[in-house]
Amino acid sequence: MEEIARTLSGKTVFGSVFAASIVIGAVFGLVLGTSTKIQHISVSDWITFHPTPTGMALYGATAAAVLVGAVLGIVLLLSRFDEDAI
């Protein structure tokens, strides 16, 4: 029986990790937003707001996208300087 090797490109892997991290961040934010133990969040005593599930899900997705996007950007930038790249 002949085995066929499957290869994935780096862009596919990073895209999958990026999408999965956004979904996981949104789900964690949604779960935290439904918690009744968090009443209010204040930022430097200037702004006080009540976290909602939608707002926390949006925050979680945005935070995950920024963090993973920054790592992805650094990897892509450093890969340009790799002399042994194919």
PDB file of N, CA and C in Angstrom:
ATOM      1  N   MET A   1       0.833  -1.161   0.000  1.00  0.00           N
ATOM      2  CA  MET A   1       0.000   0.000   0.000  1.00  0.00           C
ATOM      3  C   MET A   1       0.890   1.240   0.000  1.00  0.00           C
ATOM      4  N   GLU A   2       0.558   2.187  -0.820  1.00  0.00           N
ATOM      5  CA  GLU A   2       1.365   3.388  -0.961  1.00  0.00           C
ATOM      6  C   GLU A   2       0.859   4.475  -0.007  1.00  0.00           C
ATOM      7  N   GLU A   3       1.777   5.076   0.739  1.00  0.00           N
ATOM      8  CA  GLU A   3       1.406   6.158   1.649  1.00  0.00           C
ATOM      9  C   GLU A   3       1.710   7.492   0.986  1.00  0.00           C
ATOM     10  N   ILE A   4       0.797   8.395   1.137  1.00  0.00           N
ATOM     11  CA  ILE A   4       0.967   9.721   0.571  1.00  0.00           C
ATOM     12  C   ILE A   4       1.245  10.688   1.719  1.00  0.00           C
ATOM     13  N   ALA A   5       2.379  11.369   1.639  1.00  0.00           N
ATOM     14  CA  ALA A   5       2.740  12.329   2.683  1.00  0.00           C
ATOM     15  C   ALA A   5       2.011  13.638   2.429  1.00  0.00           C
ATOM     16  N   ARG A   6       1.429  14.164   3.470  1.00  0.00           N
ATOM     17  CA  ARG A   6       0.720  15.433   3.367  1.00  0.00           C
ATOM     18  C   ARG A   6       1.574  16.520   4.000  1.00  0.00           C
ATOM     19  N   THR A   7       1.779  17.579   3.290  1.00  0.00           N
ATOM     20  CA  THR A   7       2.569  18.679   3.821  1.00  0.00           C
ATOM     21  C   THR A   7       1.693  19.920   3.933  1.00  0.00           C
ATOM     22  N   LEU A   8       1.964  20.707   4.943  1.00  0.00           N
ATOM     23  CA  LEU A   8       1.243  21.950   5.152  1.00  0.00           C
ATOM     24  C   LEU A   8       2.230  23.100   5.052  1.00  0.00           C
ATOM     25  N   SER A   9       1.802  24.168   4.450  1.00  0.00           N
ATOM     26  CA  SER A   9       2.675  25.325   4.374  1.00  0.00           C
ATOM     27  C   SER A   9       2.603  26.094   5.690  1.00  0.00           C
ATOM     28  N   GLY A  10       3.586  26.935   5.913  1.00  0.00           N
ATOM     29  CA  GLY A  10       3.626  27.730   7.133  1.00  0.00           C
ATOM     30  C   GLY A  10       2.460  28.695   7.235  1.00  0.00           C
ATOM     31  N   LYS A  11       2.018  29.230   6.093  1.00  0.00           N
ATOM     32  CA  LYS A  11       0.898  30.159   6.097  1.00  0.00           C
ATOM     33  C   LYS A  11      -0.390  29.482   6.544  1.00  0.00           C
ATOM     34  N   THR A  12      -0.576  28.241   6.123  1.00  0.00           N
ATOM     35  CA  THR A  12      -1.768  27.497   6.528  1.00  0.00           C
ATOM     36  C   THR A  12      -1.765  27.233   8.029  1.00  0.00           C
ATOM     37  N   VAL A  13      -0.606  26.856   8.543  1.00  0.00           N
ATOM     38  CA  VAL A  13      -0.493  26.566   9.977  1.00  0.00           C
ATOM     39  C   VAL A  13      -0.718  27.832  10.791  1.00  0.00           C
ATOM     40  N   PHE A  14      -0.053  28.923  10.417  1.00  0.00           N
ATOM     41  CA  PHE A  14      -0.227  30.164  11.158  1.00  0.00           C
ATOM     42  C   PHE A  14      -1.653  30.693  11.038  1.00  0.00           C
ATOM     43  N   GLY A  15      -2.258  30.556   9.879  1.00  0.00           N
ATOM     44  CA  GLY A  15      -3.645  30.982   9.717  1.00  0.00           C
ATOM     45  C   GLY A  15      -4.599  30.183  10.591  1.00  0.00           C
ATOM     46  N   SER A  16      -4.358  28.891  10.689  1.00  0.00           N
ATOM     47  CA  SER A  16      -5.195  28.043  11.539  1.00  0.00           C
ATOM     48  C   SER A  16      -5.019  28.384  13.008  1.00  0.00           C
ATOM     49  N   VAL A  17      -3.788  28.590  13.429  1.00  0.00           N
ATOM     50  CA  VAL A  17      -3.517  28.965  14.821  1.00  0.00           C
ATOM     51  C   VAL A  17      -4.131  30.323  15.131  1.00  0.00           C
ATOM     52  N   PHE A  18      -4.019  31.263  14.194  1.00  0.00           N
ATOM     53  CA  PHE A  18      -4.584  32.598  14.367  1.00  0.00           C
ATOM     54  C   PHE A  18      -6.099  32.531  14.528  1.00  0.00           C
ATOM     55  N   ALA A  19      -6.771  31.800  13.650  1.00  0.00           N
ATOM     56  CA  ALA A  19      -8.229  31.678  13.716  1.00  0.00           C
ATOM     57  C   ALA A  19      -8.669  30.960  14.989  1.00  0.00           C
ATOM     58  N   ALA A  20      -7.949  29.906  15.354  1.00  0.00           N
ATOM     59  CA  ALA A  20      -8.307  29.158  16.566  1.00  0.00           C
ATOM     60  C   ALA A  20      -8.125  30.019  17.813  1.00  0.00           C
ATOM     61  N   SER A  21      -7.081  30.829  17.854  1.00  0.00           N
ATOM     62  CA  SER A  21      -6.853  31.678  19.031  1.00  0.00           C
ATOM     63  C   SER A  21      -7.930  32.747  19.165  1.00  0.00           C
ATOM     64  N   ILE A  22      -8.416  33.263  18.046  1.00  0.00           N
ATOM     65  CA  ILE A  22      -9.491  34.253  18.107  1.00  0.00           C
ATOM     66  C   ILE A  22     -10.773  33.610  18.641  1.00  0.00           C
ATOM     67  N   VAL A  23     -11.073  32.414  18.171  1.00  0.00           N
ATOM     68  CA  VAL A  23     -12.280  31.717  18.641  1.00  0.00           C
ATOM     69  C   VAL A  23     -12.156  31.378  20.127  1.00  0.00           C
ATOM     70  N   ILE A  24     -10.997  30.891  20.543  1.00  0.00           N
ATOM     71  CA  ILE A  24     -10.796  30.546  21.959  1.00  0.00           C
ATOM     72  C   ILE A  24     -10.880  31.791  22.827  1.00  0.00           C
ATOM     73  N   GLY A  25     -10.273  32.897  22.389  1.00  0.00           N
ATOM     74  CA  GLY A  25     -10.357  34.147  23.143  1.00  0.00           C
ATOM     75  C   GLY A  25     -11.783  34.634  23.279  1.00  0.00           C
ATOM     76  N   ALA A  26     -12.562  34.522  22.210  1.00  0.00           N
ATOM     77  CA  ALA A  26     -13.962  34.941  22.258  1.00  0.00           C
ATOM     78  C   ALA A  26     -14.777  34.059  23.196  1.00  0.00           C
ATOM     79  N   VAL A  27     -14.527  32.769  23.171  1.00  0.00           N
ATOM     80  CA  VAL A  27     -15.262  31.849  24.052  1.00  0.00           C
ATOM     81  C   VAL A  27     -14.909  32.114  25.519  1.00  0.00           C
ATOM     82  N   PHE A  28     -13.618  32.300  25.814  1.00  0.00           N
ATOM     83  CA  PHE A  28     -13.227  32.619  27.195  1.00  0.00           C
ATOM     84  C   PHE A  28     -13.851  33.936  27.644  1.00  0.00           C
ATOM     85  N   GLY A  29     -13.860  34.938  26.766  1.00  0.00           N
ATOM     86  CA  GLY A  29     -14.484  36.200  27.108  1.00  0.00           C
ATOM     87  C   GLY A  29     -15.971  36.055  27.358  1.00  0.00           C
ATOM     88  N   LEU A  30     -16.626  35.249  26.551  1.00  0.00           N
ATOM     89  CA  LEU A  30     -18.057  35.012  26.729  1.00  0.00           C
ATOM     90  C   LEU A  30     -18.333  34.333  28.070  1.00  0.00           C
ATOM     91  N   VAL A  31     -17.507  33.353  28.409  1.00  0.00           N
ATOM     92  CA  VAL A  31     -17.687  32.647  29.683  1.00  0.00           C
ATOM     93  C   VAL A  31     -17.444  33.595  30.854  1.00  0.00           C
ATOM     94  N   LEU A  32     -16.398  34.407  30.774  1.00  0.00           N
ATOM     95  CA  LEU A  32     -16.129  35.358  31.852  1.00  0.00           C
ATOM     96  C   LEU A  32     -17.215  36.421  31.938  1.00  0.00           C
ATOM     97  N   GLY A  33     -17.774  36.811  30.811  1.00  0.00           N
ATOM     98  CA  GLY A  33     -18.822  37.822  30.809  1.00  0.00           C
ATOM     99  C   GLY A  33     -20.113  37.347  31.439  1.00  0.00           C
ATOM    100  N   THR A  34     -20.356  36.049  31.439  1.00  0.00           N
ATOM    101  CA  THR A  34     -21.577  35.522  32.051  1.00  0.00           C
ATOM    102  C   THR A  34     -21.432  35.308  33.550  1.00  0.00           C
ATOM    103  N   SER A  35     -20.230  35.489  34.077  1.00  0.00           N
ATOM    104  CA  SER A  35     -19.999  35.313  35.506  1.00  0.00           C
ATOM    105  C   SER A  35     -20.672  36.441  36.290  1.00  0.00           C
ATOM    106  N   THR A  36     -21.349  36.072  37.355  1.00  0.00           N
ATOM    107  CA  THR A  36     -22.005  37.076  38.201  1.00  0.00           C
ATOM    108  C   THR A  36     -21.064  37.627  39.261  1.00  0.00           C
ATOM    109  N   LYS A  37     -19.868  37.042  39.387  1.00  0.00           N
ATOM    110  CA  LYS A  37     -18.917  37.514  40.386  1.00  0.00           C
ATOM    111  C   LYS A  37     -18.213  38.803  39.959  1.00  0.00           C
ATOM    112  N   ILE A  38     -18.193  39.081  38.683  1.00  0.00           N
ATOM    113  CA  ILE A  38     -17.585  40.310  38.187  1.00  0.00           C
ATOM    114  C   ILE A  38     -18.688  41.356  38.083  1.00  0.00           C
ATOM    115  N   GLN A  39     -18.653  42.329  38.969  1.00  0.00           N
ATOM    116  CA  GLN A  39     -19.699  43.353  38.968  1.00  0.00           C
ATOM    117  C   GLN A  39     -19.332  44.537  38.086  1.00  0.00           C
ATOM    118  N   HIS A  40     -18.189  45.146  38.345  1.00  0.00           N
ATOM    119  CA  HIS A  40     -17.761  46.312  37.568  1.00  0.00           C
ATOM    120  C   HIS A  40     -16.263  46.260  37.387  1.00  0.00           C
ATOM    121  N   ILE A  41     -15.812  46.837  36.297  1.00  0.00           N
ATOM    122  CA  ILE A  41     -14.387  46.947  36.019  1.00  0.00           C
ATOM    123  C   ILE A  41     -14.072  48.429  35.913  1.00  0.00           C
ATOM    124  N   SER A  42     -13.061  48.866  36.658  1.00  0.00           N
ATOM    125  CA  SER A  42     -12.684  50.278  36.579  1.00  0.00           C
ATOM    126  C   SER A  42     -11.261  50.384  36.053  1.00  0.00           C
ATOM    127  N   VAL A  43     -11.060  51.374  35.213  1.00  0.00           N
ATOM    128  CA  VAL A  43      -9.761  51.624  34.616  1.00  0.00           C
ATOM    129  C   VAL A  43      -9.227  52.918  35.220  1.00  0.00           C
ATOM    130  N   SER A  44      -8.230  52.796  36.088  1.00  0.00           N
ATOM    131  CA  SER A  44      -7.576  53.942  36.728  1.00  0.00           C
ATOM    132  C   SER A  44      -8.563  54.888  37.418  1.00  0.00           C
ATOM    133  N   ASP A  45      -9.641  54.370  37.917  1.00  0.00           N
ATOM    134  CA  ASP A  45     -10.691  55.144  38.593  1.00  0.00           C
ATOM    135  C   ASP A  45     -11.283  56.249  37.722  1.00  0.00           C
ATOM    136  N   TRP A  46     -11.046  56.204  36.438  1.00  0.00           N
ATOM    137  CA  TRP A  46     -11.630  57.177  35.526  1.00  0.00           C
ATOM    138  C   TRP A  46     -12.888  56.635  34.890  1.00  0.00           C
ATOM    139  N   ILE A  47     -12.800  55.403  34.435  1.00  0.00           N
ATOM    140  CA  ILE A  47     -13.907  54.793  33.711  1.00  0.00           C
ATOM    141  C   ILE A  47     -14.327  53.527  34.447  1.00  0.00           C
ATOM    142  N   THR A  48     -15.597  53.402  34.714  1.00  0.00           N
ATOM    143  CA  THR A  48     -16.143  52.191  35.318  1.00  0.00           C
ATOM    144  C   THR A  48     -17.221  51.657  34.389  1.00  0.00           C
ATOM    145  N   PHE A  49     -17.119  50.387  34.065  1.00  0.00           N
ATOM    146  CA  PHE A  49     -18.126  49.803  33.183  1.00  0.00           C
ATOM    147  C   PHE A  49     -18.485  48.408  33.658  1.00  0.00           C
ATOM    148  N   HIS A  50     -19.664  47.966  33.234  1.00  0.00           N
ATOM    149  CA  HIS A  50     -20.172  46.641  33.579  1.00  0.00           C
ATOM    150  C   HIS A  50     -19.894  45.703  32.406  1.00  0.00           C
ATOM    151  N   PRO A  51     -19.168  44.624  32.671  1.00  0.00           N
ATOM    152  CA  PRO A  51     -18.858  43.699  31.568  1.00  0.00           C
ATOM    153  C   PRO A  51     -20.082  42.879  31.156  1.00  0.00           C
ATOM    154  N   THR A  52     -20.341  42.851  29.869  1.00  0.00           N
ATOM    155  CA  THR A  52     -21.416  42.027  29.319  1.00  0.00           C
ATOM    156  C   THR A  52     -20.783  40.852  28.578  1.00  0.00           C
ATOM    157  N   PRO A  53     -21.504  39.778  28.368  1.00  0.00           N
ATOM    158  CA  PRO A  53     -20.932  38.650  27.625  1.00  0.00           C
ATOM    159  C   PRO A  53     -20.454  39.034  26.230  1.00  0.00           C
ATOM    160  N   THR A  54     -21.211  39.866  25.532  1.00  0.00           N
ATOM    161  CA  THR A  54     -20.807  40.278  24.187  1.00  0.00           C
ATOM    162  C   THR A  54     -19.549  41.132  24.224  1.00  0.00           C
ATOM    163  N   GLY A  55     -19.496  42.071  25.148  1.00  0.00           N
ATOM    164  CA  GLY A  55     -18.331  42.933  25.267  1.00  0.00           C
ATOM    165  C   GLY A  55     -17.078  42.170  25.654  1.00  0.00           C
ATOM    166  N   MET A  56     -17.217  41.240  26.569  1.00  0.00           N
ATOM    167  CA  MET A  56     -16.063  40.450  26.982  1.00  0.00           C
ATOM    168  C   MET A  56     -15.619  39.503  25.872  1.00  0.00           C
ATOM    169  N   ALA A  57     -16.566  38.964  25.106  1.00  0.00           N
ATOM    170  CA  ALA A  57     -16.202  38.106  23.974  1.00  0.00           C
ATOM    171  C   ALA A  57     -15.451  38.911  22.920  1.00  0.00           C
ATOM    172  N   LEU A  58     -15.915  40.128  22.663  1.00  0.00           N
ATOM    173  CA  LEU A  58     -15.234  41.004  21.708  1.00  0.00           C
ATOM    174  C   LEU A  58     -13.833  41.359  22.208  1.00  0.00           C
ATOM    175  N   TYR A  59     -13.730  41.647  23.496  1.00  0.00           N
ATOM    176  CA  TYR A  59     -12.425  41.958  24.076  1.00  0.00           C
ATOM    177  C   TYR A  59     -11.489  40.748  23.985  1.00  0.00           C
ATOM    178  N   GLY A  60     -11.985  39.567  24.308  1.00  0.00           N
ATOM    179  CA  GLY A  60     -11.152  38.361  24.245  1.00  0.00           C
ATOM    180  C   GLY A  60     -10.677  38.072  22.836  1.00  0.00           C
ATOM    181  N   ALA A  61     -11.556  38.226  21.858  1.00  0.00           N
ATOM    182  CA  ALA A  61     -11.176  37.993  20.468  1.00  0.00           C
ATOM    183  C   ALA A  61     -10.165  39.029  19.994  1.00  0.00           C
ATOM    184  N   THR A  62     -10.373  40.288  20.374  1.00  0.00           N
ATOM    185  CA  THR A  62      -9.450  41.353  19.984  1.00  0.00           C
ATOM    186  C   THR A  62      -8.084  41.170  20.630  1.00  0.00           C
ATOM    187  N   ALA A  63      -8.072  40.853  21.918  1.00  0.00           N
ATOM    188  CA  ALA A  63      -6.799  40.651  22.615  1.00  0.00           C
ATOM    189  C   ALA A  63      -6.030  39.476  22.023  1.00  0.00           C
ATOM    190  N   ALA A  64      -6.723  38.396  21.729  1.00  0.00           N
ATOM    191  CA  ALA A  64      -6.058  37.235  21.133  1.00  0.00           C
ATOM    192  C   ALA A  64      -5.527  37.568  19.748  1.00  0.00           C
ATOM    193  N   ALA A  65      -6.305  38.311  18.966  1.00  0.00           N
ATOM    194  CA  ALA A  65      -5.859  38.682  17.617  1.00  0.00           C
ATOM    195  C   ALA A  65      -4.630  39.574  17.667  1.00  0.00           C
ATOM    196  N   VAL A  66      -4.600  40.506  18.603  1.00  0.00           N
ATOM    197  CA  VAL A  66      -3.446  41.404  18.717  1.00  0.00           C
ATOM    198  C   VAL A  66      -2.211  40.634  19.165  1.00  0.00           C
ATOM    199  N   LEU A  67      -2.350  39.793  20.171  1.00  0.00           N
ATOM    200  CA  LEU A  67      -1.187  39.063  20.685  1.00  0.00           C
ATOM    201  C   LEU A  67      -0.652  38.059  19.663  1.00  0.00           C
ATOM    202  N   VAL A  68      -1.512  37.254  19.094  1.00  0.00           N
ATOM    203  CA  VAL A  68      -1.057  36.262  18.120  1.00  0.00           C
ATOM    204  C   VAL A  68      -0.612  36.948  16.830  1.00  0.00           C
ATOM    205  N   GLY A  69      -1.284  38.031  16.460  1.00  0.00           N
ATOM    206  CA  GLY A  69      -0.873  38.787  15.290  1.00  0.00           C
ATOM    207  C   GLY A  69       0.508  39.401  15.452  1.00  0.00           C
ATOM    208  N   ALA A  70       0.829  39.863  16.663  1.00  0.00           N
ATOM    209  CA  ALA A  70       2.162  40.409  16.920  1.00  0.00           C
ATOM    210  C   ALA A  70       3.229  39.323  16.794  1.00  0.00           C
ATOM    211  N   VAL A  71       2.944  38.158  17.344  1.00  0.00           N
ATOM    212  CA  VAL A  71       3.896  37.046  17.231  1.00  0.00           C
ATOM    213  C   VAL A  71       4.052  36.637  15.765  1.00  0.00           C
ATOM    214  N   LEU A  72       2.949  36.563  15.045  1.00  0.00           N
ATOM    215  CA  LEU A  72       2.994  36.221  13.628  1.00  0.00           C
ATOM    216  C   LEU A  72       3.796  37.252  12.835  1.00  0.00           C
ATOM    217  N   GLY A  73       3.592  38.517  13.142  1.00  0.00           N
ATOM    218  CA  GLY A  73       4.344  39.568  12.471  1.00  0.00           C
ATOM    219  C   GLY A  73       5.837  39.469  12.724  1.00  0.00           C
ATOM    220  N   ILE A  74       6.208  39.150  13.963  1.00  0.00           N
ATOM    221  CA  ILE A  74       7.631  38.997  14.297  1.00  0.00           C
ATOM    222  C   ILE A  74       8.217  37.803  13.551  1.00  0.00           C
ATOM    223  N   VAL A  75       7.495  36.705  13.515  1.00  0.00           N
ATOM    224  CA  VAL A  75       7.986  35.513  12.813  1.00  0.00           C
ATOM    225  C   VAL A  75       8.143  35.802  11.323  1.00  0.00           C
ATOM    226  N   LEU A  76       7.164  36.464  10.727  1.00  0.00           N
ATOM    227  CA  LEU A  76       7.255  36.789   9.299  1.00  0.00           C
ATOM    228  C   LEU A  76       8.409  37.755   9.021  1.00  0.00           C
ATOM    229  N   LEU A  77       8.620  38.702   9.907  1.00  0.00           N
ATOM    230  CA  LEU A  77       9.725  39.640   9.740  1.00  0.00           C
ATOM    231  C   LEU A  77      11.069  38.932   9.847  1.00  0.00           C
ATOM    232  N   LEU A  78      11.197  38.059  10.838  1.00  0.00           N
ATOM    233  CA  LEU A  78      12.463  37.351  11.014  1.00  0.00           C
ATOM    234  C   LEU A  78      12.707  36.328   9.913  1.00  0.00           C
ATOM    235  N   SER A  79      11.635  35.797   9.331  1.00  0.00           N
ATOM    236  CA  SER A  79      11.826  34.806   8.271  1.00  0.00           C
ATOM    237  C   SER A  79      12.396  35.443   7.004  1.00  0.00           C
ATOM    238  N   ARG A  80      12.252  36.734   6.851  1.00  0.00           N
ATOM    239  CA  ARG A  80      12.840  37.416   5.689  1.00  0.00           C
ATOM    240  C   ARG A  80      14.361  37.431   5.751  1.00  0.00           C
ATOM    241  N   PHE A  81      14.910  37.335   6.964  1.00  0.00           N
ATOM    242  CA  PHE A  81      16.352  37.381   7.136  1.00  0.00           C
ATOM    243  C   PHE A  81      16.981  36.002   7.194  1.00  0.00           C
ATOM    244  N   ASP A  82      16.189  34.960   7.006  1.00  0.00           N
ATOM    245  CA  ASP A  82      16.708  33.591   7.040  1.00  0.00           C
ATOM    246  C   ASP A  82      17.358  33.268   5.714  1.00  0.00           C
ATOM    247  N   GLU A  83      18.652  33.097   5.727  1.00  0.00           N
ATOM    248  CA  GLU A  83      19.380  32.816   4.490  1.00  0.00           C
ATOM    249  C   GLU A  83      19.222  31.378   4.027  1.00  0.00           C
ATOM    250  N   ASP A  84      18.840  30.481   4.922  1.00  0.00           N
ATOM    251  CA  ASP A  84      18.698  29.070   4.561  1.00  0.00           C
ATOM    252  C   ASP A  84      17.280  28.707   4.150  1.00  0.00           C
ATOM    253  N   ALA A  85      16.412  29.692   4.038  1.00  0.00           N
ATOM    254  CA  ALA A  85      15.025  29.418   3.675  1.00  0.00           C
ATOM    255  C   ALA A  85      14.943  28.936   2.230  1.00  0.00           C
ATOM    256  N   ILE A  86      13.989  28.099   1.974  1.00  0.00           N
ATOM    257  CA  ILE A  86      13.821  27.540   0.627  1.00  0.00           C
ATOM    258  C   ILE A  86      13.021  28.505  -0.216  1.00  0.00           C
TER     259      ILE A  86
END
